[in-house]
PDB file of N, CA and C in Angstrom:
ATOM      1  N   MET A   1       0.836  -1.184   0.000  1.00  0.00           N
ATOM      2  CA  MET A   1       0.000   0.000   0.000  1.00  0.00           C
ATOM      3  C   MET A   1       0.884   1.252   0.000  1.00  0.00           C
ATOM      4  N   ALA A   2       0.471   2.260  -0.711  1.00  0.00           N
ATOM      5  CA  ALA A   2       1.253   3.492  -0.833  1.00  0.00           C
ATOM      6  C   ALA A   2       1.116   4.344   0.418  1.00  0.00           C
ATOM      7  N   THR A   3       2.205   5.037   0.735  1.00  0.00           N
ATOM      8  CA  THR A   3       2.139   5.935   1.888  1.00  0.00           C
ATOM      9  C   THR A   3       1.638   7.303   1.444  1.00  0.00           C
ATOM     10  N   THR A   4       0.951   7.964   2.332  1.00  0.00           N
ATOM     11  CA  THR A   4       0.411   9.295   2.090  1.00  0.00           C
ATOM     12  C   THR A   4       1.077  10.262   3.050  1.00  0.00           C
ATOM     13  N   LYS A   5       1.353  11.455   2.569  1.00  0.00           N
ATOM     14  CA  LYS A   5       1.979  12.478   3.409  1.00  0.00           C
ATOM     15  C   LYS A   5       0.896  13.433   3.898  1.00  0.00           C
ATOM     16  N   TYR A   6       0.902  13.695   5.207  1.00  0.00           N
ATOM     17  CA  TYR A   6      -0.082  14.565   5.834  1.00  0.00           C
ATOM     18  C   TYR A   6       0.601  15.722   6.531  1.00  0.00           C
ATOM     19  N   GLU A   7      -0.114  16.840   6.613  1.00  0.00           N
ATOM     20  CA  GLU A   7       0.333  17.966   7.411  1.00  0.00           C
ATOM     21  C   GLU A   7      -0.817  18.350   8.340  1.00  0.00           C
ATOM     22  N   VAL A   8      -0.523  18.370   9.639  1.00  0.00           N
ATOM     23  CA  VAL A   8      -1.525  18.736  10.635  1.00  0.00           C
ATOM     24  C   VAL A   8      -1.071  20.032  11.296  1.00  0.00           C
ATOM     25  N   THR A   9      -1.943  21.019  11.280  1.00  0.00           N
ATOM     26  CA  THR A   9      -1.694  22.279  11.971  1.00  0.00           C
ATOM     27  C   THR A   9      -2.698  22.374  13.102  1.00  0.00           C
ATOM     28  N   TYR A  10      -2.204  22.608  14.303  1.00  0.00           N
ATOM     29  CA  TYR A  10      -3.127  22.784  15.418  1.00  0.00           C
ATOM     30  C   TYR A  10      -2.731  23.989  16.251  1.00  0.00           C
ATOM     31  N   ILE A  11      -3.749  24.580  16.907  1.00  0.00           N
ATOM     32  CA  ILE A  11      -3.551  25.805  17.684  1.00  0.00           C
ATOM     33  C   ILE A  11      -3.733  25.479  19.161  1.00  0.00           C
ATOM     34  N   ILE A  12      -2.713  25.795  19.940  1.00  0.00           N
ATOM     35  CA  ILE A  12      -2.716  25.552  21.380  1.00  0.00           C
ATOM     36  C   ILE A  12      -3.101  26.867  22.074  1.00  0.00           C
ATOM     37  N   LYS A  13      -3.892  26.772  23.128  1.00  0.00           N
ATOM     38  CA  LYS A  13      -4.291  27.963  23.885  1.00  0.00           C
ATOM     39  C   LYS A  13      -3.055  28.747  24.324  1.00  0.00           C
ATOM     40  N   PRO A  14      -3.122  30.075  24.308  1.00  0.00           N
ATOM     41  CA  PRO A  14      -1.940  30.879  24.648  1.00  0.00           C
ATOM     42  C   PRO A  14      -1.581  30.850  26.130  1.00  0.00           C
ATOM     43  N   ASP A  15      -2.517  30.457  27.004  1.00  0.00           N
ATOM     44  CA  ASP A  15      -2.215  30.449  28.434  1.00  0.00           C
ATOM     45  C   ASP A  15      -1.641  29.120  28.939  1.00  0.00           C
ATOM     46  N   VAL A  16      -1.336  28.200  28.027  1.00  0.00           N
ATOM     47  CA  VAL A  16      -0.684  26.941  28.412  1.00  0.00           C
ATOM     48  C   VAL A  16       0.803  27.229  28.615  1.00  0.00           C
ATOM     49  N   ASP A  17       1.344  26.853  29.785  1.00  0.00           N
ATOM     50  CA  ASP A  17       2.759  27.148  30.060  1.00  0.00           C
ATOM     51  C   ASP A  17       3.667  26.286  29.176  1.00  0.00           C
ATOM     52  N   GLU A  18       4.921  26.698  29.077  1.00  0.00           N
ATOM     53  CA  GLU A  18       5.888  26.084  28.159  1.00  0.00           C
ATOM     54  C   GLU A  18       6.078  24.586  28.423  1.00  0.00           C
ATOM     55  N   GLU A  19       6.164  24.199  29.677  1.00  0.00           N
ATOM     56  CA  GLU A  19       6.371  22.793  30.034  1.00  0.00           C
ATOM     57  C   GLU A  19       5.166  21.938  29.618  1.00  0.00           C
ATOM     58  N   SER A  20       3.971  22.430  29.883  1.00  0.00           N
ATOM     59  CA  SER A  20       2.753  21.710  29.499  1.00  0.00           C
ATOM     60  C   SER A  20       2.612  21.640  27.985  1.00  0.00           C
ATOM     61  N   LYS A  21       3.013  22.711  27.308  1.00  0.00           N
ATOM     62  CA  LYS A  21       2.943  22.735  25.841  1.00  0.00           C
ATOM     63  C   LYS A  21       3.883  21.690  25.247  1.00  0.00           C
ATOM     64  N   LYS A  22       5.085  21.574  25.810  1.00  0.00           N
ATOM     65  CA  LYS A  22       6.043  20.581  25.317  1.00  0.00           C
ATOM     66  C   LYS A  22       5.498  19.168  25.530  1.00  0.00           C
ATOM     67  N   ALA A  23       4.901  18.911  26.690  1.00  0.00           N
ATOM     68  CA  ALA A  23       4.314  17.602  26.971  1.00  0.00           C
ATOM     69  C   ALA A  23       3.157  17.305  26.013  1.00  0.00           C
ATOM     70  N   LEU A  24       2.353  18.316  25.711  1.00  0.00           N
ATOM     71  CA  LEU A  24       1.228  18.171  24.789  1.00  0.00           C
ATOM     72  C   LEU A  24       1.719  17.819  23.384  1.00  0.00           C
ATOM     73  N   VAL A  25       2.711  18.555  22.903  1.00  0.00           N
ATOM     74  CA  VAL A  25       3.265  18.322  21.570  1.00  0.00           C
ATOM     75  C   VAL A  25       3.894  16.928  21.491  1.00  0.00           C
ATOM     76  N   ASP A  26       4.683  16.556  22.511  1.00  0.00           N
ATOM     77  CA  ASP A  26       5.299  15.225  22.534  1.00  0.00           C
ATOM     78  C   ASP A  26       4.233  14.136  22.536  1.00  0.00           C
ATOM     79  N   GLY A  27       3.160  14.360  23.276  1.00  0.00           N
ATOM     80  CA  GLY A  27       2.074  13.386  23.344  1.00  0.00           C
ATOM     81  C   GLY A  27       1.417  13.181  21.989  1.00  0.00           C
ATOM     82  N   TYR A  28       1.157  14.266  21.271  1.00  0.00           N
ATOM     83  CA  TYR A  28       0.532  14.141  19.948  1.00  0.00           C
ATOM     84  C   TYR A  28       1.499  13.556  18.917  1.00  0.00           C
ATOM     85  N   ASP A  29       2.795  13.840  19.050  1.00  0.00           N
ATOM     86  CA  ASP A  29       3.779  13.195  18.175  1.00  0.00           C
ATOM     87  C   ASP A  29       3.751  11.679  18.386  1.00  0.00           C
ATOM     88  N   LYS A  30       3.647  11.251  19.654  1.00  0.00           N
ATOM     89  CA  LYS A  30       3.594   9.817  19.970  1.00  0.00           C
ATOM     90  C   LYS A  30       2.307   9.182  19.456  1.00  0.00           C
ATOM     91  N   VAL A  31       1.200   9.910  19.512  1.00  0.00           N
ATOM     92  CA  VAL A  31      -0.074   9.391  18.999  1.00  0.00           C
ATOM     93  C   VAL A  31       0.074   9.034  17.518  1.00  0.00           C
ATOM     94  N   VAL A  32       0.710   9.916  16.768  1.00  0.00           N
ATOM     95  CA  VAL A  32       0.904   9.672  15.337  1.00  0.00           C
ATOM     96  C   VAL A  32       1.788   8.446  15.118  1.00  0.00           C
ATOM     97  N   VAL A  33       2.908   8.373  15.828  1.00  0.00           N
ATOM     98  CA  VAL A  33       3.852   7.265  15.663  1.00  0.00           C
ATOM     99  C   VAL A  33       3.229   5.938  16.117  1.00  0.00           C
ATOM    100  N   ASN A  34       2.506   5.956  17.236  1.00  0.00           N
ATOM    101  CA  ASN A  34       1.895   4.730  17.758  1.00  0.00           C
ATOM    102  C   ASN A  34       0.764   4.205  16.883  1.00  0.00           C
ATOM    103  N   ASN A  35       0.231   5.038  16.001  1.00  0.00           N
ATOM    104  CA  ASN A  35      -0.847   4.616  15.116  1.00  0.00           C
ATOM    105  C   ASN A  35      -0.380   4.433  13.673  1.00  0.00           C
ATOM    106  N   GLY A  36       0.900   4.154  13.501  1.00  0.00           N
ATOM    107  CA  GLY A  36       1.427   3.783  12.191  1.00  0.00           C
ATOM    108  C   GLY A  36       1.998   4.917  11.364  1.00  0.00           C
ATOM    109  N   GLY A  37       2.100   6.103  11.909  1.00  0.00           N
ATOM    110  CA  GLY A  37       2.670   7.225  11.165  1.00  0.00           C
ATOM    111  C   GLY A  37       4.173   7.319  11.356  1.00  0.00           C
ATOM    112  N   THR A  38       4.840   7.907  10.395  1.00  0.00           N
ATOM    113  CA  THR A  38       6.278   8.163  10.488  1.00  0.00           C
ATOM    114  C   THR A  38       6.482   9.672  10.471  1.00  0.00           C
ATOM    115  N   MET A  39       6.975  10.198  11.565  1.00  0.00           N
ATOM    116  CA  MET A  39       7.125  11.647  11.724  1.00  0.00           C
ATOM    117  C   MET A  39       8.216  12.167  10.786  1.00  0.00           C
ATOM    118  N   VAL A  40       7.886  13.180   9.987  1.00  0.00           N
ATOM    119  CA  VAL A  40       8.852  13.845   9.128  1.00  0.00           C
ATOM    120  C   VAL A  40       9.366  15.097   9.826  1.00  0.00           C
ATOM    121  N   GLU A  41       8.422  15.890  10.372  1.00  0.00           N
ATOM    122  CA  GLU A  41       8.798  17.134  11.037  1.00  0.00           C
ATOM    123  C   GLU A  41       7.703  17.531  12.021  1.00  0.00           C
ATOM    124  N   SER A  42       8.108  18.087  13.143  1.00  0.00           N
ATOM    125  CA  SER A  42       7.175  18.617  14.125  1.00  0.00           C
ATOM    126  C   SER A  42       7.791  19.915  14.642  1.00  0.00           C
ATOM    127  N   LYS A  43       7.178  21.046  14.260  1.00  0.00           N
ATOM    128  CA  LYS A  43       7.808  22.317  14.620  1.00  0.00           C
ATOM    129  C   LYS A  43       6.783  23.320  15.141  1.00  0.00           C
ATOM    130  N   ASP A  44       7.281  24.179  16.011  1.00  0.00           N
ATOM    131  CA  ASP A  44       6.479  25.247  16.583  1.00  0.00           C
ATOM    132  C   ASP A  44       6.482  26.412  15.602  1.00  0.00           C
ATOM    133  N   TRP A  45       5.310  26.978  15.352  1.00  0.00           N
ATOM    134  CA  TRP A  45       5.195  28.086  14.414  1.00  0.00           C
ATOM    135  C   TRP A  45       5.059  29.406  15.143  1.00  0.00           C
ATOM    136  N   GLY A  46       4.996  29.339  16.464  1.00  0.00           N
ATOM    137  CA  GLY A  46       4.967  30.543  17.278  1.00  0.00           C
ATOM    138  C   GLY A  46       3.566  31.035  17.599  1.00  0.00           C
ATOM    139  N   LYS A  47       3.518  32.053  18.445  1.00  0.00           N
ATOM    140  CA  LYS A  47       2.251  32.640  18.873  1.00  0.00           C
ATOM    141  C   LYS A  47       1.820  33.674  17.841  1.00  0.00           C
ATOM    142  N   ARG A  48       0.554  33.565  17.414  1.00  0.00           N
ATOM    143  CA  ARG A  48       0.032  34.479  16.403  1.00  0.00           C
ATOM    144  C   ARG A  48      -1.348  34.979  16.796  1.00  0.00           C
ATOM    145  N   ARG A  49      -1.658  36.166  16.345  1.00  0.00           N
ATOM    146  CA  ARG A  49      -2.952  36.786  16.603  1.00  0.00           C
ATOM    147  C   ARG A  49      -3.967  36.263  15.585  1.00  0.00           C
ATOM    148  N   PHE A  50      -5.203  36.006  16.041  1.00  0.00           N
ATOM    149  CA  PHE A  50      -6.271  35.510  15.178  1.00  0.00           C
ATOM    150  C   PHE A  50      -6.950  36.669  14.452  1.00  0.00           C
ATOM    151  N   ALA A  51      -7.580  36.353  13.342  1.00  0.00           N
ATOM    152  CA  ALA A  51      -8.389  37.328  12.623  1.00  0.00           C
ATOM    153  C   ALA A  51      -9.719  37.547  13.353  1.00  0.00           C
ATOM    154  N   TYR A  52     -10.145  36.531  14.098  1.00  0.00           N
ATOM    155  CA  TYR A  52     -11.386  36.621  14.869  1.00  0.00           C
ATOM    156  C   TYR A  52     -11.213  35.806  16.150  1.00  0.00           C
ATOM    157  N   GLU A  53     -12.061  36.037  17.099  1.00  0.00           N
ATOM    158  CA  GLU A  53     -11.976  35.385  18.403  1.00  0.00           C
ATOM    159  C   GLU A  53     -12.376  33.910  18.307  1.00  0.00           C
ATOM    160  N   ILE A  54     -11.597  33.044  18.950  1.00  0.00           N
ATOM    161  CA  ILE A  54     -11.911  31.615  19.037  1.00  0.00           C
ATOM    162  C   ILE A  54     -11.997  31.267  20.516  1.00  0.00           C
ATOM    163  N   ASN A  55     -13.171  30.865  20.969  1.00  0.00           N
ATOM    164  CA  ASN A  55     -13.393  30.505  22.380  1.00  0.00           C
ATOM    165  C   ASN A  55     -12.882  31.587  23.338  1.00  0.00           C
ATOM    166  N   LYS A  56     -13.126  32.827  23.008  1.00  0.00           N
ATOM    167  CA  LYS A  56     -12.742  34.000  23.804  1.00  0.00           C
ATOM    168  C   LYS A  56     -11.237  34.263  23.836  1.00  0.00           C
ATOM    169  N   TYR A  57     -10.482  33.648  22.923  1.00  0.00           N
ATOM    170  CA  TYR A  57      -9.041  33.898  22.798  1.00  0.00           C
ATOM    171  C   TYR A  57      -8.797  34.701  21.531  1.00  0.00           C
ATOM    172  N   ARG A  58      -7.872  35.657  21.598  1.00  0.00           N
ATOM    173  CA  ARG A  58      -7.517  36.484  20.446  1.00  0.00           C
ATOM    174  C   ARG A  58      -6.199  36.035  19.807  1.00  0.00           C
ATOM    175  N   GLU A  59      -5.460  35.112  20.465  1.00  0.00           N
ATOM    176  CA  GLU A  59      -4.214  34.592  19.903  1.00  0.00           C
ATOM    177  C   GLU A  59      -4.010  33.163  20.368  1.00  0.00           C
ATOM    178  N   GLY A  60      -3.072  32.466  19.702  1.00  0.00           N
ATOM    179  CA  GLY A  60      -2.770  31.094  20.071  1.00  0.00           C
ATOM    180  C   GLY A  60      -1.413  30.693  19.520  1.00  0.00           C
ATOM    181  N   THR A  61      -0.896  29.576  20.008  1.00  0.00           N
ATOM    182  CA  THR A  61       0.393  29.057  19.566  1.00  0.00           C
ATOM    183  C   THR A  61       0.149  27.992  18.508  1.00  0.00           C
ATOM    184  N   TYR A  62       0.672  28.213  17.328  1.00  0.00           N
ATOM    185  CA  TYR A  62       0.503  27.277  16.219  1.00  0.00           C
ATOM    186  C   TYR A  62       1.608  26.226  16.250  1.00  0.00           C
ATOM    187  N   HIS A  63       1.239  24.984  15.917  1.00  0.00           N
ATOM    188  CA  HIS A  63       2.216  23.900  15.810  1.00  0.00           C
ATOM    189  C   HIS A  63       1.899  23.101  14.555  1.00  0.00           C
ATOM    190  N   ILE A  64       2.938  22.725  13.808  1.00  0.00           N
ATOM    191  CA  ILE A  64       2.753  21.994  12.551  1.00  0.00           C
ATOM    192  C   ILE A  64       3.475  20.659  12.629  1.00  0.00           C
ATOM    193  N   MET A  65       2.753  19.583  12.290  1.00  0.00           N
ATOM    194  CA  MET A  65       3.336  18.239  12.190  1.00  0.00           C
ATOM    195  C   MET A  65       3.227  17.788  10.743  1.00  0.00           C
ATOM    196  N   THR A  66       4.305  17.215  10.224  1.00  0.00           N
ATOM    197  CA  THR A  66       4.273  16.600   8.902  1.00  0.00           C
ATOM    198  C   THR A  66       4.679  15.142   9.109  1.00  0.00           C
ATOM    199  N   PHE A  67       3.875  14.227   8.566  1.00  0.00           N
ATOM    200  CA  PHE A  67       4.173  12.811   8.723  1.00  0.00           C
ATOM    201  C   PHE A  67       3.629  12.017   7.554  1.00  0.00           C
ATOM    202  N   THR A  68       4.113  10.779   7.416  1.00  0.00           N
ATOM    203  CA  THR A  68       3.601   9.868   6.399  1.00  0.00           C
ATOM    204  C   THR A  68       2.922   8.705   7.091  1.00  0.00           C
ATOM    205  N   ALA A  69       1.942   8.129   6.410  1.00  0.00           N
ATOM    206  CA  ALA A  69       1.230   6.976   6.951  1.00  0.00           C
ATOM    207  C   ALA A  69       0.638   6.172   5.798  1.00  0.00           C
ATOM    208  N   GLU A  70       0.510   4.866   6.015  1.00  0.00           N
ATOM    209  CA  GLU A  70      -0.067   4.001   4.985  1.00  0.00           C
ATOM    210  C   GLU A  70      -1.585   4.032   5.009  1.00  0.00           C
ATOM    211  N   ASN A  71      -2.164   4.342   6.174  1.00  0.00           N
ATOM    212  CA  ASN A  71      -3.620   4.461   6.265  1.00  0.00           C
ATOM    213  C   ASN A  71      -3.945   5.665   7.140  1.00  0.00           C
ATOM    214  N   ALA A  72      -5.214   5.927   7.329  1.00  0.00           N
ATOM    215  CA  ALA A  72      -5.632   7.135   8.038  1.00  0.00           C
ATOM    216  C   ALA A  72      -5.770   6.941   9.549  1.00  0.00           C
ATOM    217  N   ASP A  73      -5.282   5.841  10.100  1.00  0.00           N
ATOM    218  CA  ASP A  73      -5.423   5.592  11.539  1.00  0.00           C
ATOM    219  C   ASP A  73      -4.803   6.705  12.381  1.00  0.00           C
ATOM    220  N   ALA A  74      -3.597   7.145  12.021  1.00  0.00           N
ATOM    221  CA  ALA A  74      -2.912   8.186  12.791  1.00  0.00           C
ATOM    222  C   ALA A  74      -3.681   9.505  12.717  1.00  0.00           C
ATOM    223  N   VAL A  75      -4.194   9.834  11.544  1.00  0.00           N
ATOM    224  CA  VAL A  75      -4.964  11.069  11.362  1.00  0.00           C
ATOM    225  C   VAL A  75      -6.247  11.007  12.172  1.00  0.00           C
ATOM    226  N   ASN A  76      -6.948   9.890  12.089  1.00  0.00           N
ATOM    227  CA  ASN A  76      -8.215   9.734  12.798  1.00  0.00           C
ATOM    228  C   ASN A  76      -8.034   9.803  14.307  1.00  0.00           C
ATOM    229  N   GLU A  77      -6.985   9.167  14.828  1.00  0.00           N
ATOM    230  CA  GLU A  77      -6.754   9.185  16.274  1.00  0.00           C
ATOM    231  C   GLU A  77      -6.350  10.578  16.750  1.00  0.00           C
ATOM    232  N   PHE A  78      -5.495  11.269  15.986  1.00  0.00           N
ATOM    233  CA  PHE A  78      -5.150  12.645  16.344  1.00  0.00           C
ATOM    234  C   PHE A  78      -6.403  13.511  16.365  1.00  0.00           C
ATOM    235  N   ASP A  79      -7.224  13.382  15.333  1.00  0.00           N
ATOM    236  CA  ASP A  79      -8.445  14.182  15.228  1.00  0.00           C
ATOM    237  C   ASP A  79      -9.377  13.927  16.410  1.00  0.00           C
ATOM    238  N   ARG A  80      -9.531  12.684  16.767  1.00  0.00           N
ATOM    239  CA  ARG A  80     -10.408  12.319  17.892  1.00  0.00           C
ATOM    240  C   ARG A  80      -9.902  12.925  19.202  1.00  0.00           C
ATOM    241  N   LEU A  81      -8.606  12.762  19.466  1.00  0.00           N
ATOM    242  CA  LEU A  81      -8.040  13.254  20.721  1.00  0.00           C
ATOM    243  C   LEU A  81      -7.992  14.783  20.783  1.00  0.00           C
ATOM    244  N   SER A  82      -7.696  15.424  19.667  1.00  0.00           N
ATOM    245  CA  SER A  82      -7.593  16.890  19.683  1.00  0.00           C
ATOM    246  C   SER A  82      -8.952  17.547  19.896  1.00  0.00           C
ATOM    247  N   LYS A  83     -10.023  16.890  19.478  1.00  0.00           N
ATOM    248  CA  LYS A  83     -11.359  17.458  19.663  1.00  0.00           C
ATOM    249  C   LYS A  83     -11.810  17.430  21.117  1.00  0.00           C
ATOM    250  N   ILE A  84     -11.286  16.499  21.908  1.00  0.00           N
ATOM    251  CA  ILE A  84     -11.681  16.423  23.319  1.00  0.00           C
ATOM    252  C   ILE A  84     -10.659  17.063  24.253  1.00  0.00           C
ATOM    253  N   ASP A  85      -9.532  17.539  23.693  1.00  0.00           N
ATOM    254  CA  ASP A  85      -8.489  18.180  24.493  1.00  0.00           C
ATOM    255  C   ASP A  85      -8.809  19.670  24.640  1.00  0.00           C
ATOM    256  N   ASN A  86      -8.951  20.129  25.874  1.00  0.00           N
ATOM    257  CA  ASN A  86      -9.289  21.533  26.126  1.00  0.00           C
ATOM    258  C   ASN A  86      -8.164  22.502  25.773  1.00  0.00           C
ATOM    259  N   ALA A  87      -6.927  22.023  25.659  1.00  0.00           N
ATOM    260  CA  ALA A  87      -5.801  22.904  25.353  1.00  0.00           C
ATOM    261  C   ALA A  87      -5.692  23.207  23.860  1.00  0.00           C
ATOM    262  N   ILE A  88      -6.412  22.461  23.017  1.00  0.00           N
ATOM    263  CA  ILE A  88      -6.373  22.662  21.566  1.00  0.00           C
ATOM    264  C   ILE A  88      -7.593  23.472  21.147  1.00  0.00           C
ATOM    265  N   LEU A  89      -7.352  24.612  20.510  1.00  0.00           N
ATOM    266  CA  LEU A  89      -8.455  25.453  20.052  1.00  0.00           C
ATOM    267  C   LEU A  89      -8.996  24.993  18.693  1.00  0.00           C
ATOM    268  N   ARG A  90      -8.111  24.684  17.754  1.00  0.00           N
ATOM    269  CA  ARG A  90      -8.491  24.251  16.418  1.00  0.00           C
ATOM    270  C   ARG A  90      -7.406  23.342  15.863  1.00  0.00           C
ATOM    271  N   SER A  91      -7.792  22.500  14.901  1.00  0.00           N
ATOM    272  CA  SER A  91      -6.801  21.713  14.171  1.00  0.00           C
ATOM    273  C   SER A  91      -7.279  21.540  12.741  1.00  0.00           C
ATOM    274  N   MET A  92      -6.326  21.345  11.844  1.00  0.00           N
ATOM    275  CA  MET A  92      -6.637  21.142  10.435  1.00  0.00           C
ATOM    276  C   MET A  92      -5.639  20.140   9.858  1.00  0.00           C
ATOM    277  N   THR A  93      -6.161  19.154   9.146  1.00  0.00           N
ATOM    278  CA  THR A  93      -5.322  18.143   8.521  1.00  0.00           C
ATOM    279  C   THR A  93      -5.424  18.280   7.018  1.00  0.00           C
ATOM    280  N   VAL A  94      -4.270  18.247   6.351  1.00  0.00           N
ATOM    281  CA  VAL A  94      -4.215  18.378   4.896  1.00  0.00           C
ATOM    282  C   VAL A  94      -3.407  17.210   4.353  1.00  0.00           C
ATOM    283  N   LYS A  95      -3.920  16.579   3.296  1.00  0.00           N
ATOM    284  CA  LYS A  95      -3.178  15.524   2.612  1.00  0.00           C
ATOM    285  C   LYS A  95      -2.295  16.208   1.569  1.00  0.00           C
ATOM    286  N   LEU A  96      -0.985  15.983   1.642  1.00  0.00           N
ATOM    287  CA  LEU A  96      -0.039  16.649   0.745  1.00  0.00           C
ATOM    288  C   LEU A  96       0.239  15.799  -0.480  1.00  0.00           C
ATOM    289  N   ASP A  97       0.522  16.466  -1.597  1.00  0.00           N
ATOM    290  CA  ASP A  97       0.989  15.755  -2.789  1.00  0.00           C
ATOM    291  C   ASP A  97       2.428  15.345  -2.559  1.00  0.00           C
ATOM    292  N   LYS A  98       2.820  14.269  -3.170  1.00  0.00           N
ATOM    293  CA  LYS A  98       4.185  13.753  -2.956  1.00  0.00           C
ATOM    294  C   LYS A  98       5.223  14.609  -3.532  1.00  0.00           C
TER     295      LYS A  98
END
């Protein structure tokens, strides 16, 4: 089966301290790897101001993960967990061309 390359961008609440943010990012990196994904890159994009308010926040810390996977298990599990995590404001997954 062919591997697919994905890019996930998620926004972390700005009031999460640095130590908790690192643990959160490491946890989501492990979720991808444990569900069959191969991490290509996981980088912090920094704190940015929103165009509109999200859950009463005007800014958030963006993080981008790029990984490959043979099936959508890693994407589905990340999506499920990020929706119930209070520290994540939004997330978006994009399938990249090779």
